[in-house]
């Protein structure tokens, strides 16, 4: 399956790989980027998550701020305000490898570059935003 980009309802980059689905999102309302990595076998508990990008501009990034959903251990999520290294890794390399504990899961980056460029240029002024509820102070 190809790498896909959509700007609605928030900027989203998606790829269904053989062993793992990758979804990168940007929500301009709160300014957060997130990467969600899903796999049928779930993710083990580990203190450090690493993403290794292999190719001409290879790099390795790590964080202890990852989260595995307790009700659905198939998805690992990392959120941050800056995702330049992640986007560069996806854009300029051939393979990404998610590493958690002893588990390593790879995904091909073949064809990712055009979708990553669309994601970088996401027209945030056209996104759907849901107004936040405010308390009624007129009573």
Protein backbone atom coordinates (compact mmCIF):
# COMPACT_ATOMS: atom_id res chain seq x y z
CA UNK A 1 0.00 0.00 0.00
CA UNK A 2 1.19 3.51 -0.81
CA UNK A 3 1.92 6.32 1.61
CA UNK A 4 -1.11 8.61 1.76
CA UNK A 5 -1.72 12.17 2.93
CA UNK A 6 -4.97 13.87 3.86
CA UNK A 7 -5.51 17.34 5.37
CA UNK A 8 -8.95 16.55 6.85
CA UNK A 9 -9.92 16.51 9.68
CA UNK A 10 -6.28 17.10 10.71
CA UNK A 11 -3.04 16.74 8.73
CA UNK A 12 -2.47 12.98 8.47
CA UNK A 13 0.20 10.84 6.84
CA UNK A 14 -0.63 7.11 6.70
CA UNK A 15 0.94 3.89 5.50
CA UNK A 16 -0.12 0.30 6.03
CA UNK A 17 3.06 -1.74 5.94
CA UNK A 18 3.37 -5.52 6.02
CA UNK A 19 4.05 -5.70 9.76
CA UNK A 20 3.05 -2.25 11.03
CA UNK A 21 0.77 0.68 10.23
CA UNK A 22 2.29 4.16 10.54
CA UNK A 23 0.18 7.27 11.08
CA UNK A 24 1.67 10.74 11.64
CA UNK A 25 -0.70 13.56 12.59
CA UNK A 26 -0.47 17.28 13.21
CA UNK A 27 -3.24 19.10 15.06
CA UNK A 28 -2.86 22.89 14.66
CA UNK A 29 -5.36 23.55 17.46
CA UNK A 30 -2.94 22.29 20.12
CA UNK A 31 0.26 22.35 18.02
CA UNK A 32 0.99 18.67 18.66
CA UNK A 33 2.52 16.18 16.29
CA UNK A 34 2.02 12.48 16.95
CA UNK A 35 3.21 9.23 15.46
CA UNK A 36 1.04 6.16 16.00
CA UNK A 37 2.57 2.76 15.24
CA UNK A 38 0.12 -0.15 15.20
CA UNK A 39 0.80 -3.86 14.90
CA UNK A 40 -1.38 -6.89 15.49
CA UNK A 41 1.07 -8.47 17.94
CA UNK A 42 1.05 -5.42 20.22
CA UNK A 43 4.02 -3.77 21.88
CA UNK A 44 6.00 -4.91 24.93
CA UNK A 45 6.56 -2.68 27.93
CA UNK A 46 9.95 -0.96 27.76
CA UNK A 47 11.42 2.25 29.10
CA UNK A 48 12.93 3.51 25.85
CA UNK A 49 11.44 3.69 22.36
CA UNK A 50 13.78 4.16 19.40
CA UNK A 51 13.06 4.93 15.77
CA UNK A 52 15.96 4.13 13.44
CA UNK A 53 15.88 5.53 9.90
CA UNK A 54 18.10 3.65 7.46
CA UNK A 55 19.27 5.12 4.18
CA UNK A 56 21.25 8.02 2.74
CA UNK A 57 20.33 10.39 5.60
CA UNK A 58 20.04 7.82 8.35
CA UNK A 59 19.44 8.82 11.93
CA UNK A 60 18.27 7.35 15.20
CA UNK A 61 15.95 9.10 17.64
CA UNK A 62 14.86 7.87 21.06
CA UNK A 63 12.37 8.84 23.74
CA UNK A 64 11.05 7.61 27.04
CA UNK A 65 7.86 9.65 26.49
CA UNK A 66 6.10 6.98 24.42
CA UNK A 67 2.70 5.62 25.37
CA UNK A 68 1.03 2.27 24.76
CA UNK A 69 -2.73 2.40 25.05
CA UNK A 70 -3.71 0.24 28.07
CA UNK A 71 -6.99 -0.82 26.48
CA UNK A 72 -5.36 -1.58 23.11
CA UNK A 73 -1.69 -2.53 23.30
CA UNK A 74 -1.51 -2.74 19.49
CA UNK A 75 -0.76 1.00 19.21
CA UNK A 76 2.32 2.86 20.42
CA UNK A 77 2.13 6.69 20.33
CA UNK A 78 4.69 9.45 20.68
CA UNK A 79 3.58 13.11 20.85
CA UNK A 80 5.74 16.21 20.59
CA UNK A 81 5.65 19.84 19.45
CA UNK A 82 8.45 19.34 16.90
CA UNK A 83 8.74 16.49 14.42
CA UNK A 84 11.47 17.69 12.05
CA UNK A 85 13.70 14.65 12.66
CA UNK A 86 10.80 12.22 12.17
CA UNK A 87 9.67 13.91 8.96
CA UNK A 88 13.25 14.07 7.63
CA UNK A 89 13.74 10.41 8.50
CA UNK A 90 10.58 9.39 6.65
CA UNK A 91 11.31 11.67 3.71
CA UNK A 92 14.97 10.95 2.96
CA UNK A 93 15.51 7.29 3.84
CA UNK A 94 14.59 3.80 2.66
CA UNK A 95 13.44 2.09 5.82
CA UNK A 96 12.26 2.94 9.33
CA UNK A 97 12.70 0.51 12.21
CA UNK A 98 10.72 0.87 15.44
CA UNK A 99 12.61 -0.59 18.40
CA UNK A 100 11.02 -1.29 21.77
CA UNK A 101 12.89 -3.60 24.12
CA UNK A 102 14.01 -6.62 22.08
CA UNK A 103 11.34 -6.06 19.41
CA UNK A 104 12.30 -4.48 16.09
CA UNK A 105 9.64 -3.80 13.44
CA UNK A 106 10.58 -2.35 10.05
CA UNK A 107 8.53 -0.50 7.47
CA UNK A 108 9.55 0.45 3.94
CA UNK A 109 9.76 4.14 3.12
CA UNK A 110 9.53 3.49 -0.61
CA UNK A 111 7.26 6.19 -2.03
CA UNK A 112 6.95 8.10 1.27
CA UNK A 113 8.69 11.31 0.15
CA UNK A 114 5.82 12.87 -1.90
CA UNK A 115 3.29 12.25 0.89
CA UNK A 116 5.71 13.63 3.51
CA UNK A 117 6.14 16.80 1.42
CA UNK A 118 2.35 17.18 1.22
CA UNK A 119 2.17 16.70 4.99
CA UNK A 120 4.82 19.40 5.55
CA UNK A 121 2.78 21.81 3.39
CA UNK A 122 -0.54 20.94 5.02
CA UNK A 123 -2.95 23.90 4.70
CA UNK A 124 -3.82 24.29 8.37
CA UNK A 125 -6.20 27.17 7.65
CA UNK A 126 -8.56 24.71 5.92
CA UNK A 127 -8.74 22.17 8.71
CA UNK A 128 -11.90 21.32 10.57
CA UNK A 129 -11.73 22.38 14.18
CA UNK A 130 -14.23 21.63 16.88
CA UNK A 131 -14.93 24.57 19.20
CA UNK A 132 -13.98 23.86 22.78
CA UNK A 133 -16.76 24.04 25.33
CA UNK A 134 -16.65 27.05 27.62
CA UNK A 135 -18.42 27.27 30.96
CA UNK A 136 -21.62 29.34 31.07
CA UNK A 137 -20.86 32.31 33.30
CA UNK A 138 -24.10 34.24 32.66
CA UNK A 139 -26.13 32.66 35.49
